[in-house]
Protein backbone atom coordinates (compact mmCIF):
# COMPACT_ATOMS: atom_id res chain seq x y z
CA MET A 1 -13.14 -4.37 4.63
CA PRO A 2 -10.82 -2.65 2.18
CA LEU A 3 -10.22 0.97 2.24
CA PRO A 4 -12.11 2.83 -0.43
CA PRO A 5 -9.90 4.61 -3.02
CA GLU A 6 -11.10 8.04 -2.13
CA ALA A 7 -9.92 7.42 1.58
CA LEU A 8 -6.30 8.11 0.43
CA GLN A 9 -7.15 10.23 -2.64
CA HIS A 10 -6.78 13.52 -0.63
CA TYR A 11 -3.27 12.80 0.19
CA LEU A 12 -2.09 12.00 -3.49
CA PRO A 13 -0.58 15.07 -5.63
CA ALA A 14 -1.52 15.48 -9.10
CA VAL A 15 1.75 13.81 -10.25
CA MET A 16 3.52 11.97 -7.80
CA ASN A 17 7.22 12.61 -7.24
CA HIS A 18 8.67 9.64 -6.26
CA ASP A 19 11.95 11.22 -5.15
CA ASN A 20 10.43 13.34 -2.49
CA TYR A 21 6.93 12.65 -0.92
CA PRO A 22 5.15 15.15 0.88
CA ASP A 23 4.84 14.42 4.49
CA ALA A 24 0.88 14.66 4.19
CA TYR A 25 0.93 11.78 1.37
CA ILE A 26 2.87 9.74 3.86
CA ARG A 27 1.12 10.62 6.91
CA GLY A 28 -2.17 10.08 5.26
CA ILE A 29 -1.20 6.40 4.37
CA LEU A 30 0.22 5.42 7.52
CA ASN A 31 -3.03 7.11 9.41
CA THR A 32 -5.41 5.24 7.04
CA VAL A 33 -3.97 1.74 6.51
CA LYS A 34 -5.04 -1.09 9.02
CA THR A 35 -3.76 -4.40 7.65
CA ILE A 36 -0.16 -4.50 6.11
CA ALA A 37 1.11 -7.67 4.51
CA MET A 38 4.93 -7.55 4.62
CA VAL A 39 6.56 -9.72 1.83
CA GLY A 40 9.94 -11.05 2.66
CA VAL A 41 9.93 -10.50 6.59
CA SER A 42 12.40 -12.96 8.39
CA PRO A 43 11.77 -14.70 11.54
CA LYS A 44 15.48 -13.86 12.80
CA ASP A 45 15.22 -11.17 15.44
CA ASN A 46 18.63 -9.52 14.11
CA ARG A 47 16.87 -8.75 10.89
CA PRO A 48 15.94 -5.24 9.98
CA SER A 49 12.35 -6.77 8.44
CA TYR A 50 11.91 -8.34 11.80
CA PHE A 51 12.51 -4.97 13.53
CA ALA A 52 10.32 -3.10 11.20
CA PHE A 53 7.48 -5.77 11.51
CA LYS A 54 7.66 -5.78 15.32
CA TYR A 55 7.48 -1.76 15.47
CA LEU A 56 4.57 -1.69 13.38
CA LEU A 57 2.72 -4.55 15.01
CA GLU A 58 3.46 -2.89 18.30
CA ARG A 59 1.53 0.33 16.80
CA GLY A 60 -1.63 -1.36 16.37
CA TYR A 61 -1.46 -2.52 12.68
CA ARG A 62 -2.61 -5.95 11.54
CA MET A 63 0.69 -7.48 10.44
CA ILE A 64 0.63 -10.26 7.91
CA PRO A 65 4.03 -12.01 7.34
CA VAL A 66 4.51 -13.45 4.03
CA ASN A 67 7.76 -15.89 3.43
CA PRO A 68 7.31 -18.91 1.51
CA GLY A 69 10.23 -20.59 3.59
CA GLN A 70 8.36 -19.97 6.97
CA ALA A 71 4.57 -20.79 5.56
CA GLY A 72 2.51 -22.13 8.27
CA LYS A 73 4.84 -21.17 11.07
CA GLU A 74 4.47 -17.97 13.03
CA ILE A 75 6.59 -14.75 13.34
CA LEU A 76 5.35 -12.69 16.63
CA GLY A 77 2.26 -14.90 17.06
CA GLN A 78 1.26 -14.16 13.30
CA LYS A 79 0.70 -16.77 10.89
CA VAL A 80 2.94 -16.52 8.16
CA TYR A 81 1.55 -17.18 4.51
CA ALA A 82 3.73 -18.59 1.36
CA ALA A 83 2.17 -15.79 -0.99
CA LEU A 84 -0.28 -12.71 -0.95
CA LYS A 85 -2.93 -14.76 -2.80
CA ASP A 86 -2.98 -17.27 0.34
CA ILE A 87 -4.01 -14.46 2.88
CA PRO A 88 -7.91 -15.36 3.38
CA PHE A 89 -8.63 -11.89 3.93
CA PRO A 90 -8.56 -8.01 2.41
CA ILE A 91 -5.15 -6.13 2.99
CA ASP A 92 -4.67 -2.45 2.88
CA MET A 93 -1.05 -2.35 2.13
CA VAL A 94 1.75 -4.46 0.55
CA ASP A 95 5.25 -3.71 2.10
CA ILE A 96 7.82 -5.23 -0.02
CA PHE A 97 10.92 -6.18 1.80
CA ARG A 98 12.59 -7.79 -1.00
CA ALA A 99 15.17 -6.46 -3.50
CA SER A 100 14.13 -4.21 -6.48
CA LYS A 101 14.34 -6.92 -9.06
CA PHE A 102 11.36 -8.70 -7.32
CA ALA A 103 9.25 -5.77 -6.86
CA MET A 104 7.39 -6.25 -10.02
CA GLY A 105 6.55 -9.76 -9.31
CA VAL A 106 5.04 -8.77 -5.98
CA VAL A 107 3.37 -5.81 -7.45
CA ASP A 108 1.64 -8.44 -10.04
CA GLU A 109 0.52 -10.64 -7.25
CA ALA A 110 -1.08 -7.69 -5.36
CA LEU A 111 -2.85 -6.67 -8.45
CA ALA A 112 -4.22 -10.02 -9.09
CA LEU A 113 -5.89 -9.93 -5.47
CA ASP A 114 -9.74 -9.47 -5.11
CA PRO A 115 -10.27 -6.94 -3.65
CA LYS A 116 -6.98 -5.21 -4.40
CA PRO A 117 -5.03 -3.49 -1.83
CA GLN A 118 -4.68 0.30 -1.82
CA VAL A 119 -1.05 0.74 -1.07
CA ILE A 120 2.30 -0.69 -2.46
CA TRP A 121 5.17 0.24 -0.28
CA MET A 122 8.72 -0.54 -1.07
CA GLN A 123 11.15 -0.67 1.65
CA LEU A 124 14.56 1.42 1.59
CA THR A 125 16.82 1.00 -1.39
CA VAL A 126 13.88 -1.05 -3.30
CA ARG A 127 12.80 0.96 -6.24
CA ASP A 128 11.32 -0.04 -9.58
CA ASP A 129 9.65 2.97 -11.44
CA ALA A 130 7.93 0.50 -13.80
CA ALA A 131 6.42 -1.52 -11.29
CA ALA A 132 5.22 1.65 -9.48
CA ALA A 133 3.64 2.95 -12.88
CA LYS A 134 1.60 -0.47 -13.04
CA ALA A 135 0.23 -0.16 -9.57
CA GLU A 136 -0.48 3.62 -9.98
CA ALA A 137 -2.63 2.80 -13.28
CA ALA A 138 -4.59 0.28 -11.19
CA ASP A 139 -5.28 3.30 -8.68
CA LEU A 140 -2.82 2.15 -6.24
CA LYS A 141 -0.90 4.64 -3.93
CA VAL A 142 2.66 3.77 -4.20
CA VAL A 143 6.02 4.79 -2.11
CA MET A 144 9.36 3.50 -2.95
CA ASN A 145 12.95 3.54 -1.06
CA ARG A 146 11.18 4.30 2.40
CA CYS A 147 10.80 2.36 5.33
CA PRO A 148 7.30 2.76 7.00
CA LYS A 149 8.96 2.12 10.65
CA ILE A 150 11.43 5.10 10.03
CA GLU A 151 8.64 7.31 8.67
CA TYR A 152 6.30 6.47 11.40
CA GLY A 153 9.04 7.62 13.96
CA ARG A 154 9.99 10.58 11.89
CA LEU A 155 6.32 11.88 11.64
CA SER A 156 5.50 10.83 15.26
CA SER A 157 8.66 12.08 16.74
CA GLU A 158 8.97 9.02 19.12
CA ILE A 159 9.30 5.47 19.87
CA SER A 160 6.66 4.04 22.50
CA TRP A 161 8.35 1.24 24.47
CA MET A 162 5.45 0.36 26.60
CA GLY A 163 2.09 -0.51 25.24
CA VAL A 164 0.49 0.66 22.03
CA ASN A 165 -0.29 4.28 20.92
CA SER A 166 -3.16 5.81 19.01
CA ARG A 167 -1.51 5.35 15.69
CA THR A 168 -2.80 8.98 14.66
CA LEU A 169 0.15 10.95 13.15
CA SER A 170 -0.22 14.67 13.53
CA SER A 171 1.79 17.59 11.93
CA LYS A 172 1.97 18.83 15.70
CA ARG A 173 5.29 18.19 17.58
CA ALA A 174 5.09 15.15 19.93
CA PRO A 175 5.00 16.27 23.70
CA LEU A 176 8.18 15.79 25.89
CA ALA A 177 8.27 11.99 26.69
CA GLY A 178 7.52 10.61 29.78
CA LYS A 179 8.25 7.20 31.62
CA GLY A 180 8.51 4.38 29.02
CA VAL A 181 8.59 6.57 26.09
CA GLN A 182 11.90 7.53 24.41
CA ARG A 183 12.30 10.56 22.10
CA MET A 184 13.55 9.40 18.63
CA SER A 185 16.62 11.32 17.78
CA LEU A 186 17.14 11.69 13.87
CA ASN A 187 19.28 13.85 12.16
CA ARG A 188 16.96 14.90 9.58
CA GLU A 189 16.24 18.02 7.24
CA THR A 190 13.06 19.87 8.49
CA MET A 191 11.81 20.10 4.91
CA ALA A 192 8.81 18.03 3.89
CA GLY A 193 10.13 14.56 2.69
CA GLY A 194 13.66 15.46 3.62
CA SER A 195 16.38 13.07 3.97
CA ILE A 196 17.16 11.16 7.19
CA GLU A 197 20.91 10.75 7.95
CA SER A 198 20.37 7.78 10.20
CA SER A 199 18.32 5.78 7.51
CA GLU A 200 21.76 5.43 5.64
CA ARG A 201 22.83 2.79 8.08
CA ALA A 202 19.36 1.09 8.06
CA ALA A 203 19.35 1.24 4.27
CA GLN A 204 22.71 -0.86 3.98
CA ALA A 205 21.19 -3.45 6.45
CA GLN A 206 18.02 -3.73 4.63
CA GLU A 207 19.78 -3.89 1.12
CA GLN A 208 21.84 -6.79 2.30
CA GLU A 209 18.77 -8.70 3.79
CA MET A 210 16.81 -8.26 0.89
CA ASN A 211 19.24 -9.47 -1.70
CA SER A 212 19.34 -12.80 0.23
CA GLU A 213 16.94 -15.34 -0.39
CA PRO A 214 13.92 -15.80 2.01
CA SER A 215 14.76 -17.65 5.16
CA ALA A 216 13.68 -21.19 5.56
CA GLY A 217 15.05 -21.46 8.99
């Protein structure tokens, strides 16, 4: 079943500042959504979208790949759909892994779904304020220019290499890692919504991928 709007309303500030998201807002989204459609994911295991898709899949999210060039195939065992409208079940969040110029079209497609998703998430370097305003006018939550993989790691302070963790993000600091778990080392500011230095390299790689056409091979 789709998430009720009130499930995320608690985490939404009165006026959203898309330049600086409160950690509680990001944490609330990542703790609440269960099914994520990633638009623009590549089947190539050296692409940032593949890394992000795999990371989130391993953390217990139901990941749905959307790529017209791969429709009918599988990515990491998940069936690929050509478009959001082809997914035969409700989705909670749409993760846009396409360049900013494509964001409005993806938002329009998401808003045409019944039921609509509860969250539009635009990856690093992806920002379209008009598309965000349109989604918010339809009561969707919006995140822009952030990577859910990086945000999950930043808020949980760890990368689980073996098995799937609980997917519950706490404001408490993670315990010291044991066997099979590696601490995530990020040069970040400690303020809520602070910048992540290591994300700059990820942003460059993601921007290069998202400006290319969806992979057919």
